[in-house]
Amino acid sequence: MRYLVLRNPGSGPPALAGPPNDFATLKEAEARISEIEASHLKAHHTYLDILPYDGDREEALRIAGVLY
């Protein structure tokens, strides 16, 4: 199992967060979200999420409707 960090805008499809965005552990993905959120000084209309996946990364993104 691997974990992708996504950004989900208030409107529109989800997209990969800025790199790094693909992690071997959930803990690493959560730490990346904390790192991104710590650098934002203003509220955004985007929230961050984690997409667990097995197998082909591009297929997982396609199934989830993620832009990449």
PDB file of N, CA and C in Angstrom:
ATOM      1  N   MET A   1       0.852  -1.177   0.000  1.00  0.00           N
ATOM      2  CA  MET A   1       0.000   0.000   0.000  1.00  0.00           C
ATOM      3  C   MET A   1       0.897   1.239   0.000  1.00  0.00           C
ATOM      4  N   ARG A   2       0.523   2.214  -0.836  1.00  0.00           N
ATOM      5  CA  ARG A   2       1.195   3.512  -0.874  1.00  0.00           C
ATOM      6  C   ARG A   2       0.135   4.584  -0.681  1.00  0.00           C
ATOM      7  N   TYR A   3       0.576   5.835  -0.492  1.00  0.00           N
ATOM      8  CA  TYR A   3      -0.333   6.929  -0.153  1.00  0.00           C
ATOM      9  C   TYR A   3       0.024   8.175  -0.959  1.00  0.00           C
ATOM     10  N   LEU A   4      -0.979   8.727  -1.633  1.00  0.00           N
ATOM     11  CA  LEU A   4      -0.812   9.966  -2.391  1.00  0.00           C
ATOM     12  C   LEU A   4      -1.457  11.113  -1.639  1.00  0.00           C
ATOM     13  N   VAL A   5      -0.798  12.269  -1.637  1.00  0.00           N
ATOM     14  CA  VAL A   5      -1.371  13.466  -1.024  1.00  0.00           C
ATOM     15  C   VAL A   5      -2.033  14.275  -2.136  1.00  0.00           C
ATOM     16  N   LEU A   6      -3.312  14.580  -1.936  1.00  0.00           N
ATOM     17  CA  LEU A   6      -4.113  15.302  -2.918  1.00  0.00           C
ATOM     18  C   LEU A   6      -4.553  16.638  -2.368  1.00  0.00           C
ATOM     19  N   ARG A   7      -4.789  17.578  -3.272  1.00  0.00           N
ATOM     20  CA  ARG A   7      -5.451  18.824  -2.876  1.00  0.00           C
ATOM     21  C   ARG A   7      -6.816  18.813  -3.548  1.00  0.00           C
ATOM     22  N   ASN A   8      -7.825  19.143  -2.771  1.00  0.00           N
ATOM     23  CA  ASN A   8      -9.198  19.139  -3.235  1.00  0.00           C
ATOM     24  C   ASN A   8      -9.744  20.557  -3.166  1.00  0.00           C
ATOM     25  N   PRO A   9      -9.875  21.199  -4.321  1.00  0.00           N
ATOM     26  CA  PRO A   9     -10.415  22.561  -4.328  1.00  0.00           C
ATOM     27  C   PRO A   9     -11.912  22.544  -4.035  1.00  0.00           C
ATOM     28  N   GLY A  10     -12.442  23.676  -3.624  1.00  0.00           N
ATOM     29  CA  GLY A  10     -13.874  23.770  -3.368  1.00  0.00           C
ATOM     30  C   GLY A  10     -14.702  23.450  -4.593  1.00  0.00           C
ATOM     31  N   SER A  11     -14.168  23.781  -5.761  1.00  0.00           N
ATOM     32  CA  SER A  11     -14.840  23.439  -7.011  1.00  0.00           C
ATOM     33  C   SER A  11     -13.811  22.829  -7.946  1.00  0.00           C
ATOM     34  N   GLY A  12     -14.192  21.839  -8.677  1.00  0.00           N
ATOM     35  CA  GLY A  12     -13.273  21.193  -9.603  1.00  0.00           C
ATOM     36  C   GLY A  12     -12.739  19.891  -9.047  1.00  0.00           C
ATOM     37  N   PRO A  13     -12.049  19.151  -9.905  1.00  0.00           N
ATOM     38  CA  PRO A  13     -11.545  17.840  -9.509  1.00  0.00           C
ATOM     39  C   PRO A  13     -10.318  17.934  -8.604  1.00  0.00           C
ATOM     40  N   PRO A  14     -10.063  16.882  -7.836  1.00  0.00           N
ATOM     41  CA  PRO A  14      -8.844  16.852  -7.020  1.00  0.00           C
ATOM     42  C   PRO A  14      -7.613  16.754  -7.916  1.00  0.00           C
ATOM     43  N   ALA A  15      -6.476  17.144  -7.361  1.00  0.00           N
ATOM     44  CA  ALA A  15      -5.194  17.071  -8.076  1.00  0.00           C
ATOM     45  C   ALA A  15      -4.118  16.664  -7.081  1.00  0.00           C
ATOM     46  N   LEU A  16      -3.009  16.190  -7.615  1.00  0.00           N
ATOM     47  CA  LEU A  16      -1.887  15.868  -6.740  1.00  0.00           C
ATOM     48  C   LEU A  16      -1.377  17.137  -6.076  1.00  0.00           C
ATOM     49  N   ALA A  17      -1.021  17.043  -4.808  1.00  0.00           N
ATOM     50  CA  ALA A  17      -0.367  18.160  -4.117  1.00  0.00           C
ATOM     51  C   ALA A  17       1.042  18.279  -4.687  1.00  0.00           C
ATOM     52  N   GLY A  18       1.679  19.393  -4.413  1.00  0.00           N
ATOM     53  CA  GLY A  18       3.051  19.579  -4.885  1.00  0.00           C
ATOM     54  C   GLY A  18       3.972  18.495  -4.352  1.00  0.00           C
ATOM     55  N   PRO A  19       5.005  18.160  -5.115  1.00  0.00           N
ATOM     56  CA  PRO A  19       5.916  17.100  -4.694  1.00  0.00           C
ATOM     57  C   PRO A  19       6.686  17.473  -3.436  1.00  0.00           C
ATOM     58  N   PRO A  20       7.043  16.482  -2.659  1.00  0.00           N
ATOM     59  CA  PRO A  20       6.717  15.071  -2.827  1.00  0.00           C
ATOM     60  C   PRO A  20       5.248  14.817  -2.476  1.00  0.00           C
ATOM     61  N   ASN A  21       4.637  13.868  -3.176  1.00  0.00           N
ATOM     62  CA  ASN A  21       3.229  13.586  -2.935  1.00  0.00           C
ATOM     63  C   ASN A  21       2.902  12.095  -2.923  1.00  0.00           C
ATOM     64  N   ASP A  22       3.903  11.235  -3.022  1.00  0.00           N
ATOM     65  CA  ASP A  22       3.707   9.785  -3.035  1.00  0.00           C
ATOM     66  C   ASP A  22       4.575   9.180  -1.930  1.00  0.00           C
ATOM     67  N   PHE A  23       3.942   8.464  -0.995  1.00  0.00           N
ATOM     68  CA  PHE A  23       4.646   8.004   0.198  1.00  0.00           C
ATOM     69  C   PHE A  23       4.406   6.526   0.472  1.00  0.00           C
ATOM     70  N   ALA A  24       5.383   5.907   1.108  1.00  0.00           N
ATOM     71  CA  ALA A  24       5.304   4.493   1.448  1.00  0.00           C
ATOM     72  C   ALA A  24       4.453   4.236   2.684  1.00  0.00           C
ATOM     73  N   THR A  25       4.315   5.247   3.548  1.00  0.00           N
ATOM     74  CA  THR A  25       3.546   5.047   4.774  1.00  0.00           C
ATOM     75  C   THR A  25       2.524   6.166   4.964  1.00  0.00           C
ATOM     76  N   LEU A  26       1.456   5.829   5.671  1.00  0.00           N
ATOM     77  CA  LEU A  26       0.433   6.818   6.002  1.00  0.00           C
ATOM     78  C   LEU A  26       1.035   7.924   6.864  1.00  0.00           C
ATOM     79  N   LYS A  27       1.921   7.559   7.769  1.00  0.00           N
ATOM     80  CA  LYS A  27       2.557   8.542   8.647  1.00  0.00           C
ATOM     81  C   LYS A  27       3.334   9.582   7.841  1.00  0.00           C
ATOM     82  N   GLU A  28       4.038   9.162   6.796  1.00  0.00           N
ATOM     83  CA  GLU A  28       4.780  10.097   5.948  1.00  0.00           C
ATOM     84  C   GLU A  28       3.824  11.037   5.209  1.00  0.00           C
ATOM     85  N   ALA A  29       2.711  10.486   4.709  1.00  0.00           N
ATOM     86  CA  ALA A  29       1.719  11.304   3.999  1.00  0.00           C
ATOM     87  C   ALA A  29       1.098  12.327   4.947  1.00  0.00           C
ATOM     88  N   GLU A  30       0.784  11.910   6.163  1.00  0.00           N
ATOM     89  CA  GLU A  30       0.218  12.834   7.157  1.00  0.00           C
ATOM     90  C   GLU A  30       1.217  13.929   7.507  1.00  0.00           C
ATOM     91  N   ALA A  31       2.496  13.571   7.606  1.00  0.00           N
ATOM     92  CA  ALA A  31       3.535  14.565   7.905  1.00  0.00           C
ATOM     93  C   ALA A  31       3.642  15.580   6.767  1.00  0.00           C
ATOM     94  N   ARG A  32       3.487  15.128   5.520  1.00  0.00           N
ATOM     95  CA  ARG A  32       3.529  16.044   4.380  1.00  0.00           C
ATOM     96  C   ARG A  32       2.366  17.024   4.433  1.00  0.00           C
ATOM     97  N   ILE A  33       1.181  16.540   4.788  1.00  0.00           N
ATOM     98  CA  ILE A  33       0.028  17.432   4.926  1.00  0.00           C
ATOM     99  C   ILE A  33       0.305  18.476   6.005  1.00  0.00           C
ATOM    100  N   SER A  34       0.844  18.060   7.118  1.00  0.00           N
ATOM    101  CA  SER A  34       1.175  19.006   8.189  1.00  0.00           C
ATOM    102  C   SER A  34       2.181  20.042   7.716  1.00  0.00           C
ATOM    103  N   GLU A  35       3.165  19.605   6.944  1.00  0.00           N
ATOM    104  CA  GLU A  35       4.184  20.520   6.411  1.00  0.00           C
ATOM    105  C   GLU A  35       3.540  21.547   5.475  1.00  0.00           C
ATOM    106  N   ILE A  36       2.660  21.104   4.593  1.00  0.00           N
ATOM    107  CA  ILE A  36       1.999  22.022   3.657  1.00  0.00           C
ATOM    108  C   ILE A  36       1.119  23.004   4.423  1.00  0.00           C
ATOM    109  N   GLU A  37       0.323  22.497   5.354  1.00  0.00           N
ATOM    110  CA  GLU A  37      -0.591  23.364   6.104  1.00  0.00           C
ATOM    111  C   GLU A  37       0.159  24.375   6.962  1.00  0.00           C
ATOM    112  N   ALA A  38       1.312  24.014   7.469  1.00  0.00           N
ATOM    113  CA  ALA A  38       2.093  24.924   8.310  1.00  0.00           C
ATOM    114  C   ALA A  38       2.617  26.112   7.514  1.00  0.00           C
ATOM    115  N   SER A  39       2.791  25.939   6.199  1.00  0.00           N
ATOM    116  CA  SER A  39       3.343  27.021   5.386  1.00  0.00           C
ATOM    117  C   SER A  39       2.282  27.999   4.881  1.00  0.00           C
ATOM    118  N   HIS A  40       1.016  27.707   5.095  1.00  0.00           N
ATOM    119  CA  HIS A  40      -0.060  28.599   4.631  1.00  0.00           C
ATOM    120  C   HIS A  40      -0.456  29.568   5.734  1.00  0.00           C
ATOM    121  N   LEU A  41      -0.378  30.839   5.418  1.00  0.00           N
ATOM    122  CA  LEU A  41      -0.720  31.856   6.402  1.00  0.00           C
ATOM    123  C   LEU A  41      -2.184  32.267   6.300  1.00  0.00           C
ATOM    124  N   LYS A  42      -2.814  32.016   5.150  1.00  0.00           N
ATOM    125  CA  LYS A  42      -4.212  32.385   4.933  1.00  0.00           C
ATOM    126  C   LYS A  42      -5.062  31.132   4.795  1.00  0.00           C
ATOM    127  N   ALA A  43      -6.350  31.292   5.069  1.00  0.00           N
ATOM    128  CA  ALA A  43      -7.276  30.191   4.835  1.00  0.00           C
ATOM    129  C   ALA A  43      -7.440  30.004   3.334  1.00  0.00           C
ATOM    130  N   HIS A  44      -7.506  28.768   2.911  1.00  0.00           N
ATOM    131  CA  HIS A  44      -7.682  28.457   1.492  1.00  0.00           C
ATOM    132  C   HIS A  44      -8.983  27.698   1.312  1.00  0.00           C
ATOM    133  N   HIS A  45      -9.489  27.715   0.094  1.00  0.00           N
ATOM    134  CA  HIS A  45     -10.705  26.975  -0.227  1.00  0.00           C
ATOM    135  C   HIS A  45     -10.352  25.602  -0.770  1.00  0.00           C
ATOM    136  N   THR A  46      -9.244  25.082  -0.307  1.00  0.00           N
ATOM    137  CA  THR A  46      -8.741  23.775  -0.723  1.00  0.00           C
ATOM    138  C   THR A  46      -8.422  22.992   0.537  1.00  0.00           C
ATOM    139  N   TYR A  47      -8.774  21.730   0.524  1.00  0.00           N
ATOM    140  CA  TYR A  47      -8.350  20.894   1.645  1.00  0.00           C
ATOM    141  C   TYR A  47      -7.480  19.774   1.110  1.00  0.00           C
ATOM    142  N   LEU A  48      -6.666  19.216   1.966  1.00  0.00           N
ATOM    143  CA  LEU A  48      -5.725  18.163   1.589  1.00  0.00           C
ATOM    144  C   LEU A  48      -6.268  16.824   2.058  1.00  0.00           C
ATOM    145  N   ASP A  49      -5.995  15.800   1.272  1.00  0.00           N
ATOM    146  CA  ASP A  49      -6.526  14.475   1.547  1.00  0.00           C
ATOM    147  C   ASP A  49      -5.473  13.442   1.168  1.00  0.00           C
ATOM    148  N   ILE A  50      -5.678  12.211   1.615  1.00  0.00           N
ATOM    149  CA  ILE A  50      -4.759  11.116   1.317  1.00  0.00           C
ATOM    150  C   ILE A  50      -5.519  10.046   0.550  1.00  0.00           C
ATOM    151  N   LEU A  51      -4.937   9.596  -0.554  1.00  0.00           N
ATOM    152  CA  LEU A  51      -5.504   8.525  -1.365  1.00  0.00           C
ATOM    153  C   LEU A  51      -4.607   7.299  -1.240  1.00  0.00           C
ATOM    154  N   PRO A  52      -5.064   6.265  -0.503  1.00  0.00           N
ATOM    155  CA  PRO A  52      -4.284   5.027  -0.462  1.00  0.00           C
ATOM    156  C   PRO A  52      -4.463   4.275  -1.786  1.00  0.00           C
ATOM    157  N   TYR A  53      -3.402   3.612  -2.230  1.00  0.00           N
ATOM    158  CA  TYR A  53      -3.518   2.822  -3.456  1.00  0.00           C
ATOM    159  C   TYR A  53      -2.546   1.654  -3.448  1.00  0.00           C
ATOM    160  N   ASP A  54      -2.907   0.627  -4.194  1.00  0.00           N
ATOM    161  CA  ASP A  54      -2.045  -0.527  -4.460  1.00  0.00           C
ATOM    162  C   ASP A  54      -1.900  -0.631  -5.962  1.00  0.00           C
ATOM    163  N   GLY A  55      -0.786  -1.102  -6.428  1.00  0.00           N
ATOM    164  CA  GLY A  55      -0.635  -1.323  -7.862  1.00  0.00           C
ATOM    165  C   GLY A  55      -0.245  -0.076  -8.613  1.00  0.00           C
ATOM    166  N   ASP A  56      -0.841   0.084  -9.798  1.00  0.00           N
ATOM    167  CA  ASP A  56      -0.477   1.152 -10.717  1.00  0.00           C
ATOM    168  C   ASP A  56      -0.972   2.515 -10.237  1.00  0.00           C
ATOM    169  N   ARG A  57      -0.042   3.426 -10.081  1.00  0.00           N
ATOM    170  CA  ARG A  57      -0.367   4.774  -9.584  1.00  0.00           C
ATOM    171  C   ARG A  57      -1.308   5.513 -10.532  1.00  0.00           C
ATOM    172  N   GLU A  58      -0.997   5.519 -11.819  1.00  0.00           N
ATOM    173  CA  GLU A  58      -1.819   6.247 -12.784  1.00  0.00           C
ATOM    174  C   GLU A  58      -3.240   5.689 -12.836  1.00  0.00           C
ATOM    175  N   GLU A  59      -3.370   4.387 -12.724  1.00  0.00           N
ATOM    176  CA  GLU A  59      -4.703   3.771 -12.718  1.00  0.00           C
ATOM    177  C   GLU A  59      -5.487   4.207 -11.481  1.00  0.00           C
ATOM    178  N   ALA A  60      -4.824   4.253 -10.336  1.00  0.00           N
ATOM    179  CA  ALA A  60      -5.492   4.694  -9.099  1.00  0.00           C
ATOM    180  C   ALA A  60      -5.954   6.146  -9.229  1.00  0.00           C
ATOM    181  N   LEU A  61      -5.117   6.999  -9.827  1.00  0.00           N
ATOM    182  CA  LEU A  61      -5.480   8.399 -10.029  1.00  0.00           C
ATOM    183  C   LEU A  61      -6.664   8.521 -10.989  1.00  0.00           C
ATOM    184  N   ARG A  62      -6.632   7.740 -12.058  1.00  0.00           N
ATOM    185  CA  ARG A  62      -7.728   7.781 -13.031  1.00  0.00           C
ATOM    186  C   ARG A  62      -9.046   7.352 -12.394  1.00  0.00           C
ATOM    187  N   ILE A  63      -9.014   6.263 -11.658  1.00  0.00           N
ATOM    188  CA  ILE A  63     -10.231   5.765 -11.005  1.00  0.00           C
ATOM    189  C   ILE A  63     -10.789   6.795 -10.021  1.00  0.00           C
ATOM    190  N   ALA A  64      -9.891   7.477  -9.311  1.00  0.00           N
ATOM    191  CA  ALA A  64     -10.317   8.484  -8.319  1.00  0.00           C
ATOM    192  C   ALA A  64     -10.678   9.824  -8.967  1.00  0.00           C
ATOM    193  N   GLY A  65     -10.454   9.973 -10.269  1.00  0.00           N
ATOM    194  CA  GLY A  65     -10.765  11.219 -10.951  1.00  0.00           C
ATOM    195  C   GLY A  65      -9.819  12.355 -10.634  1.00  0.00           C
ATOM    196  N   VAL A  66      -8.576  12.012 -10.355  1.00  0.00           N
ATOM    197  CA  VAL A  66      -7.561  13.005  -9.962  1.00  0.00           C
ATOM    198  C   VAL A  66      -6.813  13.503 -11.188  1.00  0.00           C
ATOM    199  N   LEU A  67      -6.633  14.825 -11.281  1.00  0.00           N
ATOM    200  CA  LEU A  67      -5.804  15.408 -12.331  1.00  0.00           C
ATOM    201  C   LEU A  67      -4.349  15.248 -11.955  1.00  0.00           C
ATOM    202  N   TYR A  68      -3.518  14.938 -12.935  1.00  0.00           N
ATOM    203  CA  TYR A  68      -2.082  14.828 -12.697  1.00  0.00           C
ATOM    204  C   TYR A  68      -1.309  15.145 -13.929  1.00  0.00           C
TER     205      TYR A  68
END
